[in-house]
N, C-alpha and C. Protein backbone atom coordinates (compact mmCIF):
# COMPACT_ATOMS: atom_id res chain seq x y z
N MET A 1 -0.03 17.00 -10.96
CA MET A 1 0.72 15.98 -10.25
C MET A 1 2.18 16.05 -10.66
N SER A 2 3.08 15.92 -9.70
CA SER A 2 4.51 15.99 -9.99
C SER A 2 4.95 14.79 -10.83
N ASP A 3 5.90 15.03 -11.74
CA ASP A 3 6.48 13.95 -12.52
C ASP A 3 7.74 13.49 -11.79
N LEU A 4 7.66 12.33 -11.15
CA LEU A 4 8.76 11.82 -10.33
C LEU A 4 9.47 10.64 -10.98
N ARG A 5 9.28 10.45 -12.28
CA ARG A 5 9.77 9.22 -12.91
C ARG A 5 11.29 9.06 -12.83
N ASN A 6 12.02 10.14 -12.70
CA ASN A 6 13.47 10.05 -12.59
C ASN A 6 13.97 10.48 -11.22
N THR A 7 13.07 10.53 -10.24
CA THR A 7 13.40 11.00 -8.90
C THR A 7 13.44 9.83 -7.93
N LEU A 8 14.37 9.88 -7.00
CA LEU A 8 14.44 8.88 -5.93
C LEU A 8 13.96 9.51 -4.63
N PRO A 9 13.24 8.77 -3.79
CA PRO A 9 12.78 9.34 -2.51
C PRO A 9 13.94 9.62 -1.58
N GLU A 10 13.76 10.57 -0.68
CA GLU A 10 14.82 10.91 0.27
C GLU A 10 15.01 9.83 1.32
N GLU A 11 13.96 9.06 1.61
CA GLU A 11 14.05 8.02 2.63
C GLU A 11 13.72 6.66 2.03
N ASP A 12 14.32 5.62 2.61
CA ASP A 12 13.99 4.25 2.21
C ASP A 12 12.52 4.00 2.54
N GLN A 13 11.73 3.70 1.53
CA GLN A 13 10.29 3.61 1.70
C GLN A 13 9.88 2.43 2.57
N TYR A 14 10.55 1.30 2.41
CA TYR A 14 10.24 0.15 3.26
C TYR A 14 10.64 0.40 4.71
N GLN A 15 11.84 0.91 4.93
CA GLN A 15 12.32 1.13 6.29
C GLN A 15 11.47 2.16 7.02
N LEU A 16 10.90 3.11 6.30
CA LEU A 16 10.03 4.09 6.93
C LEU A 16 8.77 3.43 7.47
N LEU A 17 8.17 2.55 6.68
CA LEU A 17 7.00 1.81 7.16
C LEU A 17 7.38 0.90 8.32
N ALA A 18 8.53 0.26 8.22
CA ALA A 18 8.98 -0.63 9.29
C ALA A 18 9.18 0.13 10.59
N ALA A 19 9.71 1.35 10.50
CA ALA A 19 9.94 2.16 11.70
C ALA A 19 8.64 2.54 12.39
N HIS A 20 7.53 2.53 11.65
CA HIS A 20 6.22 2.83 12.23
C HIS A 20 5.45 1.55 12.58
N GLY A 21 6.15 0.45 12.71
CA GLY A 21 5.55 -0.79 13.20
C GLY A 21 5.00 -1.71 12.14
N LEU A 22 5.15 -1.35 10.86
CA LEU A 22 4.56 -2.15 9.78
C LEU A 22 5.61 -3.00 9.08
N ARG A 23 6.56 -3.51 9.85
CA ARG A 23 7.64 -4.33 9.28
C ARG A 23 7.16 -5.73 8.93
N GLU A 24 6.45 -6.39 9.84
CA GLU A 24 6.13 -7.80 9.66
C GLU A 24 4.96 -8.02 8.71
N ALA A 25 3.96 -7.15 8.75
CA ALA A 25 2.78 -7.31 7.90
C ALA A 25 2.30 -5.94 7.45
N PHE A 26 1.98 -5.82 6.16
CA PHE A 26 1.56 -4.54 5.60
C PHE A 26 0.78 -4.80 4.32
N CYS A 27 -0.27 -4.01 4.13
CA CYS A 27 -0.99 -4.01 2.85
C CYS A 27 -1.40 -2.58 2.55
N GLY A 28 -0.99 -2.08 1.42
CA GLY A 28 -1.35 -0.73 1.00
C GLY A 28 -1.99 -0.75 -0.38
N TYR A 29 -3.15 -0.07 -0.48
CA TYR A 29 -3.80 0.15 -1.77
C TYR A 29 -3.77 1.64 -2.06
N TRP A 30 -3.21 2.03 -3.17
CA TRP A 30 -3.26 3.42 -3.64
C TRP A 30 -4.37 3.48 -4.68
N VAL A 31 -5.40 4.28 -4.41
CA VAL A 31 -6.62 4.28 -5.21
C VAL A 31 -6.80 5.65 -5.86
N GLU A 32 -7.08 5.65 -7.15
CA GLU A 32 -7.24 6.92 -7.87
C GLU A 32 -8.64 7.47 -7.64
N ARG A 33 -8.88 7.90 -6.41
CA ARG A 33 -10.09 8.58 -5.96
C ARG A 33 -9.67 9.54 -4.86
N ASP A 34 -10.37 10.68 -4.72
CA ASP A 34 -10.00 11.61 -3.66
C ASP A 34 -11.13 11.92 -2.69
N ASP A 35 -12.27 11.24 -2.81
CA ASP A 35 -13.38 11.42 -1.87
C ASP A 35 -13.32 10.26 -0.87
N LEU A 36 -12.86 10.54 0.35
CA LEU A 36 -12.66 9.47 1.33
C LEU A 36 -13.97 8.83 1.77
N ASP A 37 -15.01 9.62 1.94
CA ASP A 37 -16.30 9.06 2.35
C ASP A 37 -16.86 8.13 1.27
N GLU A 38 -16.75 8.56 0.03
CA GLU A 38 -17.21 7.72 -1.08
C GLU A 38 -16.39 6.43 -1.14
N LEU A 39 -15.08 6.54 -0.96
CA LEU A 39 -14.21 5.37 -0.99
C LEU A 39 -14.57 4.40 0.13
N ALA A 40 -14.78 4.93 1.34
CA ALA A 40 -15.14 4.07 2.47
C ALA A 40 -16.44 3.32 2.19
N GLU A 41 -17.40 4.02 1.60
CA GLU A 41 -18.69 3.38 1.28
C GLU A 41 -18.50 2.29 0.23
N LEU A 42 -17.69 2.57 -0.80
CA LEU A 42 -17.47 1.59 -1.85
C LEU A 42 -16.74 0.36 -1.31
N LEU A 43 -15.88 0.56 -0.32
CA LEU A 43 -15.14 -0.56 0.27
C LEU A 43 -15.96 -1.33 1.30
N GLY A 44 -17.16 -0.82 1.61
CA GLY A 44 -18.02 -1.50 2.56
C GLY A 44 -17.59 -1.36 4.00
N LEU A 45 -16.90 -0.26 4.34
CA LEU A 45 -16.44 -0.05 5.71
C LEU A 45 -17.59 0.43 6.59
N GLU A 46 -17.59 0.00 7.83
CA GLU A 46 -18.68 0.30 8.75
C GLU A 46 -18.54 1.72 9.28
N PRO A 47 -19.44 2.65 8.90
CA PRO A 47 -19.28 4.05 9.31
C PRO A 47 -19.32 4.25 10.82
N ARG A 48 -20.02 3.40 11.57
CA ARG A 48 -20.10 3.57 13.02
C ARG A 48 -18.78 3.27 13.72
N SER A 49 -17.86 2.58 13.03
CA SER A 49 -16.57 2.28 13.64
C SER A 49 -15.50 3.33 13.32
N ARG A 50 -15.88 4.37 12.57
CA ARG A 50 -14.91 5.36 12.12
C ARG A 50 -14.30 6.13 13.29
N ARG A 51 -12.98 6.28 13.22
CA ARG A 51 -12.23 7.11 14.17
C ARG A 51 -11.32 8.03 13.37
N ASP A 52 -11.27 9.30 13.74
CA ASP A 52 -10.44 10.27 13.04
C ASP A 52 -9.03 10.23 13.63
N LEU A 53 -8.08 9.73 12.86
CA LEU A 53 -6.71 9.54 13.31
C LEU A 53 -5.74 9.88 12.19
N THR A 54 -4.52 10.25 12.57
CA THR A 54 -3.45 10.29 11.58
C THR A 54 -3.00 8.86 11.31
N LEU A 55 -2.24 8.67 10.25
CA LEU A 55 -1.73 7.33 9.96
C LEU A 55 -0.78 6.86 11.05
N ALA A 56 0.04 7.75 11.58
CA ALA A 56 0.94 7.36 12.67
C ALA A 56 0.16 6.84 13.87
N GLU A 57 -0.94 7.51 14.22
CA GLU A 57 -1.78 7.05 15.33
C GLU A 57 -2.44 5.72 15.00
N ALA A 58 -2.93 5.60 13.77
CA ALA A 58 -3.59 4.35 13.37
C ALA A 58 -2.61 3.19 13.35
N ALA A 59 -1.37 3.45 12.93
CA ALA A 59 -0.37 2.38 12.89
C ALA A 59 -0.11 1.81 14.27
N ILE A 60 -0.15 2.66 15.29
CA ILE A 60 0.05 2.19 16.67
C ILE A 60 -1.07 1.24 17.06
N THR A 61 -2.31 1.61 16.75
CA THR A 61 -3.42 0.74 17.12
C THR A 61 -3.42 -0.55 16.30
N MET A 62 -2.93 -0.49 15.06
CA MET A 62 -2.86 -1.69 14.23
C MET A 62 -1.86 -2.71 14.78
N THR A 63 -0.81 -2.21 15.40
CA THR A 63 0.31 -3.08 15.76
C THR A 63 0.44 -3.32 17.26
N ASP A 64 -0.56 -2.89 18.07
CA ASP A 64 -0.42 -3.04 19.51
C ASP A 64 -0.98 -4.35 20.03
N SER A 65 -1.41 -5.25 19.13
CA SER A 65 -1.93 -6.55 19.54
C SER A 65 -1.02 -7.64 19.01
N SER A 66 -0.89 -8.71 19.77
CA SER A 66 -0.08 -9.84 19.32
C SER A 66 -0.81 -10.69 18.28
N ASP A 67 -2.10 -10.47 18.11
CA ASP A 67 -2.90 -11.25 17.16
C ASP A 67 -3.51 -10.32 16.13
N ILE A 68 -2.82 -10.14 15.00
CA ILE A 68 -3.30 -9.21 13.99
C ILE A 68 -4.56 -9.73 13.30
N TYR A 69 -4.80 -11.03 13.37
CA TYR A 69 -6.00 -11.59 12.75
C TYR A 69 -7.26 -11.17 13.51
N GLU A 70 -7.12 -10.97 14.81
CA GLU A 70 -8.27 -10.60 15.63
C GLU A 70 -8.47 -9.08 15.69
N SER A 71 -7.41 -8.31 15.46
CA SER A 71 -7.49 -6.86 15.64
C SER A 71 -7.29 -6.11 14.33
N ASN A 72 -7.63 -6.74 13.22
CA ASN A 72 -7.42 -6.12 11.92
C ASN A 72 -8.26 -4.84 11.77
N SER A 73 -7.63 -3.78 11.34
CA SER A 73 -8.33 -2.52 11.08
C SER A 73 -7.72 -1.91 9.83
N VAL A 74 -8.34 -0.85 9.34
CA VAL A 74 -7.90 -0.22 8.10
C VAL A 74 -7.94 1.29 8.29
N TRP A 75 -7.00 1.97 7.66
CA TRP A 75 -6.94 3.43 7.69
C TRP A 75 -7.00 3.92 6.25
N ILE A 76 -7.83 4.94 6.00
CA ILE A 76 -7.86 5.56 4.67
C ILE A 76 -7.59 7.05 4.83
N GLY A 77 -6.88 7.60 3.87
CA GLY A 77 -6.56 9.01 3.93
C GLY A 77 -6.12 9.52 2.57
N PRO A 78 -5.95 10.83 2.44
CA PRO A 78 -5.48 11.41 1.18
C PRO A 78 -4.01 11.08 0.97
N HIS A 79 -3.64 10.90 -0.28
CA HIS A 79 -2.23 10.61 -0.60
C HIS A 79 -1.61 11.74 -1.41
N GLY A 80 -2.24 12.11 -2.46
CA GLY A 80 -1.78 13.18 -3.33
C GLY A 80 -2.93 13.59 -4.22
N PRO A 81 -2.75 14.58 -5.07
CA PRO A 81 -3.84 15.02 -5.93
C PRO A 81 -4.46 13.86 -6.72
N GLY A 82 -5.75 13.63 -6.46
CA GLY A 82 -6.46 12.58 -7.18
C GLY A 82 -6.31 11.19 -6.63
N TRP A 83 -5.52 11.03 -5.56
CA TRP A 83 -5.23 9.70 -5.01
C TRP A 83 -5.54 9.64 -3.53
N SER A 84 -6.07 8.50 -3.11
CA SER A 84 -6.22 8.16 -1.70
C SER A 84 -5.43 6.89 -1.43
N VAL A 85 -5.21 6.61 -0.14
CA VAL A 85 -4.46 5.41 0.22
C VAL A 85 -5.22 4.66 1.31
N VAL A 86 -5.18 3.35 1.23
CA VAL A 86 -5.85 2.46 2.16
C VAL A 86 -4.78 1.57 2.77
N ILE A 87 -4.60 1.66 4.11
CA ILE A 87 -3.50 0.97 4.78
C ILE A 87 -4.06 0.03 5.85
N SER A 88 -3.52 -1.18 5.88
CA SER A 88 -3.83 -2.12 6.95
C SER A 88 -2.67 -3.10 7.06
N GLN A 89 -2.78 -4.03 8.00
CA GLN A 89 -1.77 -5.07 8.07
C GLN A 89 -2.11 -6.26 7.19
N LEU A 90 -3.38 -6.62 7.12
CA LEU A 90 -3.77 -7.82 6.40
C LEU A 90 -4.53 -7.54 5.11
N GLY A 91 -4.92 -6.31 4.88
CA GLY A 91 -5.66 -5.99 3.67
C GLY A 91 -7.13 -6.33 3.80
N LEU A 92 -7.86 -6.05 2.75
CA LEU A 92 -9.28 -6.36 2.68
C LEU A 92 -9.44 -7.76 2.11
N GLU A 93 -10.55 -8.41 2.46
CA GLU A 93 -10.79 -9.74 1.91
C GLU A 93 -10.86 -9.67 0.39
N THR A 94 -11.57 -8.67 -0.12
CA THR A 94 -11.61 -8.39 -1.56
C THR A 94 -11.76 -6.88 -1.73
N VAL A 95 -11.35 -6.38 -2.89
CA VAL A 95 -11.66 -5.00 -3.27
C VAL A 95 -12.88 -5.07 -4.17
N PRO A 96 -14.02 -4.52 -3.74
CA PRO A 96 -15.25 -4.68 -4.51
C PRO A 96 -15.15 -4.05 -5.90
N ASP A 97 -15.89 -4.63 -6.84
CA ASP A 97 -16.00 -4.02 -8.15
C ASP A 97 -16.61 -2.62 -8.01
N GLY A 98 -16.21 -1.73 -8.89
CA GLY A 98 -16.74 -0.37 -8.87
C GLY A 98 -15.86 0.63 -8.17
N VAL A 99 -14.81 0.16 -7.48
CA VAL A 99 -13.91 1.08 -6.79
C VAL A 99 -13.06 1.85 -7.79
N ILE A 100 -12.66 1.20 -8.88
CA ILE A 100 -11.82 1.86 -9.89
C ILE A 100 -12.41 1.64 -11.29
N PRO A 101 -13.56 2.24 -11.59
CA PRO A 101 -14.15 2.06 -12.91
C PRO A 101 -13.39 2.86 -13.97
N GLY A 102 -13.57 2.46 -15.22
CA GLY A 102 -13.02 3.22 -16.34
C GLY A 102 -11.50 3.28 -16.29
N ASP A 103 -10.96 4.48 -16.40
CA ASP A 103 -9.50 4.61 -16.46
C ASP A 103 -8.87 4.86 -15.09
N ARG A 104 -9.63 4.73 -14.00
CA ARG A 104 -9.05 4.90 -12.67
C ARG A 104 -8.16 3.70 -12.34
N ARG A 105 -7.15 3.96 -11.49
CA ARG A 105 -6.14 2.95 -11.20
C ARG A 105 -6.09 2.60 -9.72
N LEU A 106 -5.58 1.42 -9.45
CA LEU A 106 -5.31 0.97 -8.09
C LEU A 106 -3.97 0.24 -8.10
N LEU A 107 -3.13 0.55 -7.14
CA LEU A 107 -1.84 -0.11 -6.97
C LEU A 107 -1.79 -0.77 -5.62
N GLU A 108 -1.25 -1.96 -5.55
CA GLU A 108 -1.19 -2.69 -4.28
C GLU A 108 0.23 -3.17 -4.00
N VAL A 109 0.72 -2.85 -2.79
CA VAL A 109 1.98 -3.38 -2.28
C VAL A 109 1.68 -4.03 -0.95
N SER A 110 2.17 -5.25 -0.76
CA SER A 110 1.90 -5.93 0.51
C SER A 110 2.98 -6.94 0.81
N TRP A 111 3.07 -7.26 2.09
CA TRP A 111 3.98 -8.34 2.52
C TRP A 111 3.51 -8.93 3.84
N MET A 112 3.90 -10.16 4.07
CA MET A 112 3.77 -10.82 5.36
C MET A 112 4.99 -11.72 5.47
N TRP A 113 6.02 -11.20 6.11
CA TRP A 113 7.33 -11.82 6.04
C TRP A 113 7.33 -13.27 6.53
N ASP A 114 6.66 -13.55 7.63
CA ASP A 114 6.76 -14.89 8.23
C ASP A 114 6.06 -15.96 7.41
N ILE A 115 5.13 -15.58 6.54
CA ILE A 115 4.34 -16.58 5.81
C ILE A 115 4.66 -16.55 4.32
N HIS A 116 4.46 -15.41 3.68
CA HIS A 116 4.61 -15.33 2.23
C HIS A 116 5.77 -14.43 1.80
N GLY A 117 6.33 -13.65 2.71
CA GLY A 117 7.30 -12.66 2.30
C GLY A 117 6.63 -11.53 1.55
N LEU A 118 7.37 -10.92 0.63
CA LEU A 118 6.85 -9.84 -0.19
C LEU A 118 5.92 -10.40 -1.27
N HIS A 119 4.79 -9.72 -1.52
CA HIS A 119 3.87 -10.13 -2.58
C HIS A 119 4.15 -9.32 -3.85
N ASP A 120 3.65 -9.81 -4.97
CA ASP A 120 3.82 -9.11 -6.23
C ASP A 120 3.20 -7.71 -6.16
N LEU A 121 3.79 -6.78 -6.89
CA LEU A 121 3.21 -5.45 -7.05
C LEU A 121 2.11 -5.52 -8.10
N HIS A 122 0.90 -5.11 -7.73
CA HIS A 122 -0.25 -5.18 -8.64
C HIS A 122 -0.66 -3.79 -9.12
N TYR A 123 -1.02 -3.72 -10.38
CA TYR A 123 -1.54 -2.51 -11.02
C TYR A 123 -2.88 -2.89 -11.64
N CYS A 124 -3.95 -2.29 -11.13
CA CYS A 124 -5.31 -2.62 -11.60
C CYS A 124 -5.96 -1.38 -12.21
N GLN A 125 -6.84 -1.63 -13.16
CA GLN A 125 -7.59 -0.56 -13.81
C GLN A 125 -8.93 -1.13 -14.27
N ASP A 126 -9.98 -0.36 -14.09
CA ASP A 126 -11.32 -0.81 -14.47
C ASP A 126 -11.63 -2.17 -13.82
N ASP A 127 -11.26 -2.30 -12.53
CA ASP A 127 -11.52 -3.50 -11.74
C ASP A 127 -10.82 -4.75 -12.27
N LYS A 128 -9.76 -4.57 -13.07
CA LYS A 128 -9.03 -5.71 -13.62
C LYS A 128 -7.54 -5.55 -13.35
N LEU A 129 -6.86 -6.68 -13.15
CA LEU A 129 -5.40 -6.67 -13.02
C LEU A 129 -4.80 -6.44 -14.40
N ILE A 130 -4.04 -5.34 -14.53
CA ILE A 130 -3.46 -4.96 -15.81
C ILE A 130 -1.99 -5.38 -15.91
N ALA A 131 -1.26 -5.25 -14.81
CA ALA A 131 0.16 -5.55 -14.83
C ALA A 131 0.62 -5.87 -13.42
N GLU A 132 1.74 -6.57 -13.30
CA GLU A 132 2.32 -6.87 -12.01
C GLU A 132 3.82 -7.05 -12.16
N ILE A 133 4.52 -6.86 -11.04
CA ILE A 133 5.95 -7.15 -10.98
C ILE A 133 6.12 -8.29 -9.99
N PRO A 134 6.77 -9.38 -10.39
CA PRO A 134 6.93 -10.50 -9.46
C PRO A 134 7.85 -10.15 -8.29
N ALA A 135 7.50 -10.71 -7.14
CA ALA A 135 8.29 -10.47 -5.92
C ALA A 135 9.25 -11.64 -5.73
N PHE A 136 10.37 -11.58 -6.40
CA PHE A 136 11.36 -12.64 -6.26
C PHE A 136 12.00 -12.58 -4.88
N PRO A 137 12.15 -13.72 -4.19
CA PRO A 137 12.75 -13.71 -2.84
C PRO A 137 14.14 -13.10 -2.79
N THR A 138 14.89 -13.19 -3.90
CA THR A 138 16.23 -12.61 -3.92
C THR A 138 16.25 -11.18 -4.43
N GLY A 139 15.07 -10.62 -4.76
CA GLY A 139 14.98 -9.19 -5.00
C GLY A 139 15.23 -8.69 -6.40
N GLU A 140 15.30 -9.57 -7.42
CA GLU A 140 15.46 -9.07 -8.78
C GLU A 140 14.24 -8.23 -9.18
N LEU A 141 14.50 -7.09 -9.79
CA LEU A 141 13.42 -6.21 -10.26
C LEU A 141 13.25 -6.41 -11.75
N LEU A 142 12.10 -6.99 -12.15
CA LEU A 142 11.83 -7.27 -13.56
C LEU A 142 10.50 -6.63 -13.94
N PRO A 143 10.48 -5.33 -14.17
CA PRO A 143 9.22 -4.64 -14.51
C PRO A 143 8.77 -4.97 -15.92
N ASP A 144 7.44 -5.07 -16.10
CA ASP A 144 6.93 -5.24 -17.45
C ASP A 144 6.78 -3.85 -18.08
N PRO A 145 6.36 -3.75 -19.34
CA PRO A 145 6.33 -2.44 -20.01
C PRO A 145 5.52 -1.36 -19.31
N VAL A 146 4.44 -1.73 -18.59
CA VAL A 146 3.64 -0.73 -17.89
C VAL A 146 4.48 -0.03 -16.82
N PHE A 147 5.33 -0.77 -16.13
CA PHE A 147 6.11 -0.23 -15.02
C PHE A 147 7.48 0.30 -15.45
N GLU A 148 7.93 -0.06 -16.63
CA GLU A 148 9.29 0.29 -17.04
C GLU A 148 9.58 1.80 -16.95
N PRO A 149 8.66 2.70 -17.38
CA PRO A 149 8.97 4.13 -17.29
C PRO A 149 9.17 4.64 -15.87
N TYR A 150 8.72 3.86 -14.86
CA TYR A 150 8.80 4.28 -13.47
C TYR A 150 9.89 3.53 -12.69
N SER A 151 10.73 2.80 -13.42
CA SER A 151 11.73 1.95 -12.76
C SER A 151 13.16 2.45 -12.93
N HIS A 152 13.31 3.64 -13.52
CA HIS A 152 14.65 4.18 -13.78
C HIS A 152 15.45 4.33 -12.50
N GLY A 153 16.71 3.87 -12.53
CA GLY A 153 17.64 4.09 -11.42
C GLY A 153 17.48 3.14 -10.25
N LEU A 154 16.55 2.18 -10.32
CA LEU A 154 16.36 1.24 -9.23
C LEU A 154 17.18 -0.02 -9.50
N PRO A 155 17.79 -0.60 -8.46
CA PRO A 155 18.61 -1.81 -8.66
C PRO A 155 17.78 -2.94 -9.26
N ARG A 156 18.36 -3.62 -10.24
CA ARG A 156 17.64 -4.70 -10.92
C ARG A 156 18.14 -6.08 -10.51
N ASP A 157 19.35 -6.15 -10.00
CA ASP A 157 19.93 -7.46 -9.68
C ASP A 157 19.46 -7.94 -8.32
N GLY A 158 19.65 -9.23 -8.05
CA GLY A 158 19.25 -9.81 -6.78
C GLY A 158 20.31 -9.66 -5.70
N ASP A 159 19.90 -9.93 -4.47
CA ASP A 159 20.80 -9.90 -3.32
C ASP A 159 20.26 -10.92 -2.32
N GLU A 160 21.04 -11.93 -2.01
CA GLU A 160 20.56 -13.00 -1.14
C GLU A 160 20.19 -12.51 0.26
N ASN A 161 20.86 -11.46 0.73
CA ASN A 161 20.65 -11.01 2.11
C ASN A 161 19.58 -9.94 2.24
N GLU A 162 19.58 -8.94 1.39
CA GLU A 162 18.68 -7.81 1.54
C GLU A 162 17.77 -7.60 0.33
N GLY A 163 17.76 -8.57 -0.58
CA GLY A 163 17.04 -8.36 -1.83
C GLY A 163 15.56 -8.11 -1.68
N GLU A 164 14.90 -8.85 -0.77
CA GLU A 164 13.45 -8.71 -0.65
C GLU A 164 13.07 -7.35 -0.06
N GLU A 165 13.80 -6.89 0.95
CA GLU A 165 13.52 -5.57 1.53
C GLU A 165 13.84 -4.47 0.52
N ARG A 166 14.91 -4.65 -0.22
CA ARG A 166 15.26 -3.67 -1.24
C ARG A 166 14.21 -3.62 -2.34
N LEU A 167 13.64 -4.79 -2.67
CA LEU A 167 12.60 -4.84 -3.68
C LEU A 167 11.32 -4.18 -3.16
N ALA A 168 11.02 -4.34 -1.86
CA ALA A 168 9.86 -3.65 -1.28
C ALA A 168 10.03 -2.14 -1.41
N HIS A 169 11.24 -1.65 -1.16
CA HIS A 169 11.52 -0.22 -1.35
C HIS A 169 11.33 0.17 -2.81
N ALA A 170 11.77 -0.68 -3.74
CA ALA A 170 11.60 -0.38 -5.17
C ALA A 170 10.13 -0.34 -5.54
N PHE A 171 9.34 -1.30 -5.05
CA PHE A 171 7.91 -1.30 -5.34
C PHE A 171 7.26 -0.01 -4.86
N LEU A 172 7.58 0.39 -3.64
CA LEU A 172 6.99 1.60 -3.07
C LEU A 172 7.47 2.86 -3.80
N THR A 173 8.71 2.83 -4.28
CA THR A 173 9.22 3.95 -5.08
C THR A 173 8.46 4.07 -6.39
N ILE A 174 8.21 2.94 -7.04
CA ILE A 174 7.44 2.93 -8.28
C ILE A 174 6.04 3.47 -8.04
N VAL A 175 5.41 3.06 -6.94
CA VAL A 175 4.08 3.56 -6.60
C VAL A 175 4.13 5.08 -6.40
N GLY A 176 5.14 5.56 -5.68
CA GLY A 176 5.28 7.00 -5.47
C GLY A 176 5.47 7.76 -6.77
N ARG A 177 6.22 7.18 -7.70
CA ARG A 177 6.42 7.85 -8.99
C ARG A 177 5.12 7.91 -9.79
N ILE A 178 4.30 6.86 -9.72
CA ILE A 178 3.05 6.84 -10.46
C ILE A 178 2.03 7.80 -9.84
N THR A 179 1.96 7.82 -8.51
CA THR A 179 0.95 8.63 -7.83
C THR A 179 1.38 10.07 -7.59
N GLY A 180 2.68 10.35 -7.74
CA GLY A 180 3.17 11.72 -7.57
C GLY A 180 3.56 12.08 -6.16
N ARG A 181 3.67 11.07 -5.26
CA ARG A 181 4.09 11.37 -3.89
C ARG A 181 4.78 10.16 -3.28
N PHE A 182 5.98 10.39 -2.72
CA PHE A 182 6.67 9.36 -1.97
C PHE A 182 6.24 9.40 -0.50
N LEU A 183 6.56 8.33 0.22
CA LEU A 183 6.30 8.29 1.65
C LEU A 183 7.36 9.10 2.39
N ASP A 184 6.93 9.85 3.41
CA ASP A 184 7.83 10.58 4.28
C ASP A 184 7.13 10.76 5.62
N GLU A 185 7.80 11.39 6.56
CA GLU A 185 7.20 11.54 7.89
C GLU A 185 5.93 12.38 7.85
N ALA A 186 5.88 13.36 6.96
CA ALA A 186 4.66 14.17 6.85
C ALA A 186 3.47 13.31 6.41
N TRP A 187 3.73 12.31 5.61
CA TRP A 187 2.68 11.39 5.16
C TRP A 187 2.04 10.68 6.35
N PHE A 188 2.84 10.33 7.34
CA PHE A 188 2.31 9.66 8.53
C PHE A 188 1.51 10.60 9.42
N ARG A 189 1.68 11.90 9.25
CA ARG A 189 0.91 12.86 10.04
C ARG A 189 -0.36 13.32 9.33
N THR A 190 -0.68 12.69 8.20
CA THR A 190 -1.87 13.05 7.43
C THR A 190 -3.13 12.64 8.18
N PRO A 191 -4.08 13.54 8.38
CA PRO A 191 -5.36 13.16 9.00
C PRO A 191 -6.14 12.23 8.07
N GLY A 192 -6.78 11.24 8.66
CA GLY A 192 -7.60 10.31 7.90
C GLY A 192 -8.58 9.62 8.81
N HIS A 193 -9.08 8.48 8.37
CA HIS A 193 -10.12 7.77 9.12
C HIS A 193 -9.72 6.30 9.28
N ALA A 194 -9.84 5.79 10.50
CA ALA A 194 -9.62 4.38 10.77
C ALA A 194 -10.97 3.68 10.95
N TYR A 195 -11.04 2.45 10.49
CA TYR A 195 -12.27 1.64 10.60
C TYR A 195 -11.90 0.25 11.10
N ASP A 196 -12.77 -0.32 11.91
CA ASP A 196 -12.60 -1.70 12.32
C ASP A 196 -13.00 -2.63 11.19
N LEU A 197 -12.32 -3.77 11.11
CA LEU A 197 -12.69 -4.83 10.20
C LEU A 197 -13.04 -6.08 10.99
N PRO A 198 -13.91 -6.93 10.50
CA PRO A 198 -14.20 -8.18 11.21
C PRO A 198 -12.92 -9.00 11.34
N PRO A 199 -12.78 -9.78 12.44
CA PRO A 199 -11.62 -10.69 12.52
C PRO A 199 -11.54 -11.54 11.27
N ILE A 200 -10.35 -11.70 10.74
CA ILE A 200 -10.21 -12.30 9.42
C ILE A 200 -10.69 -13.74 9.38
N ASN A 201 -10.63 -14.43 10.51
CA ASN A 201 -11.05 -15.84 10.52
C ASN A 201 -12.55 -16.00 10.64
N THR A 202 -13.32 -14.88 10.74
CA THR A 202 -14.78 -14.98 10.81
C THR A 202 -15.44 -14.37 9.59
N ARG A 203 -14.65 -13.79 8.67
CA ARG A 203 -15.25 -13.18 7.49
C ARG A 203 -15.78 -14.24 6.53
N ARG A 204 -16.83 -13.91 5.84
CA ARG A 204 -17.41 -14.81 4.86
C ARG A 204 -17.26 -14.21 3.47
């Protein structure tokens, strides 16, 4: 895996997702597993709803409805050596135990601008939350010791106008440094699998 701890991505990570329709709502889980079928089974995804799509294609279907609560779906695909990624607008109701046993890791970046804004960056291991970075509305970046080695060169101060979007870019940059791959247009052309999820207001 590439060591990207002192590298900056070529493209703004938040703006790239926004350009593919994921500006208003987004949830991404980076999971330290590389078997997509095994991951889908562990997440409890319905195999009969599987569709083979690139992320760019899946993003269109995720965002073509005015009611994301009724049309929630999820896409899973390879991210980099040893890592897979799970993308949706609203996320999963829960991540089941057993997805990241032992020393495997999971990173979560999410936002819903109209309701909660940017959410904290989560780092989980062995099915437990190990560390997080708070999502301050003004965009201050305050990494704890787990994230500090991956935060070099990122703005730390706040900005009343663009701080939250800039912090989303910083969170995604940190994730890219940990997983060994930043987001780019080739990432959106990655083949993967889309699955339907129950409407969020009917899940139990």
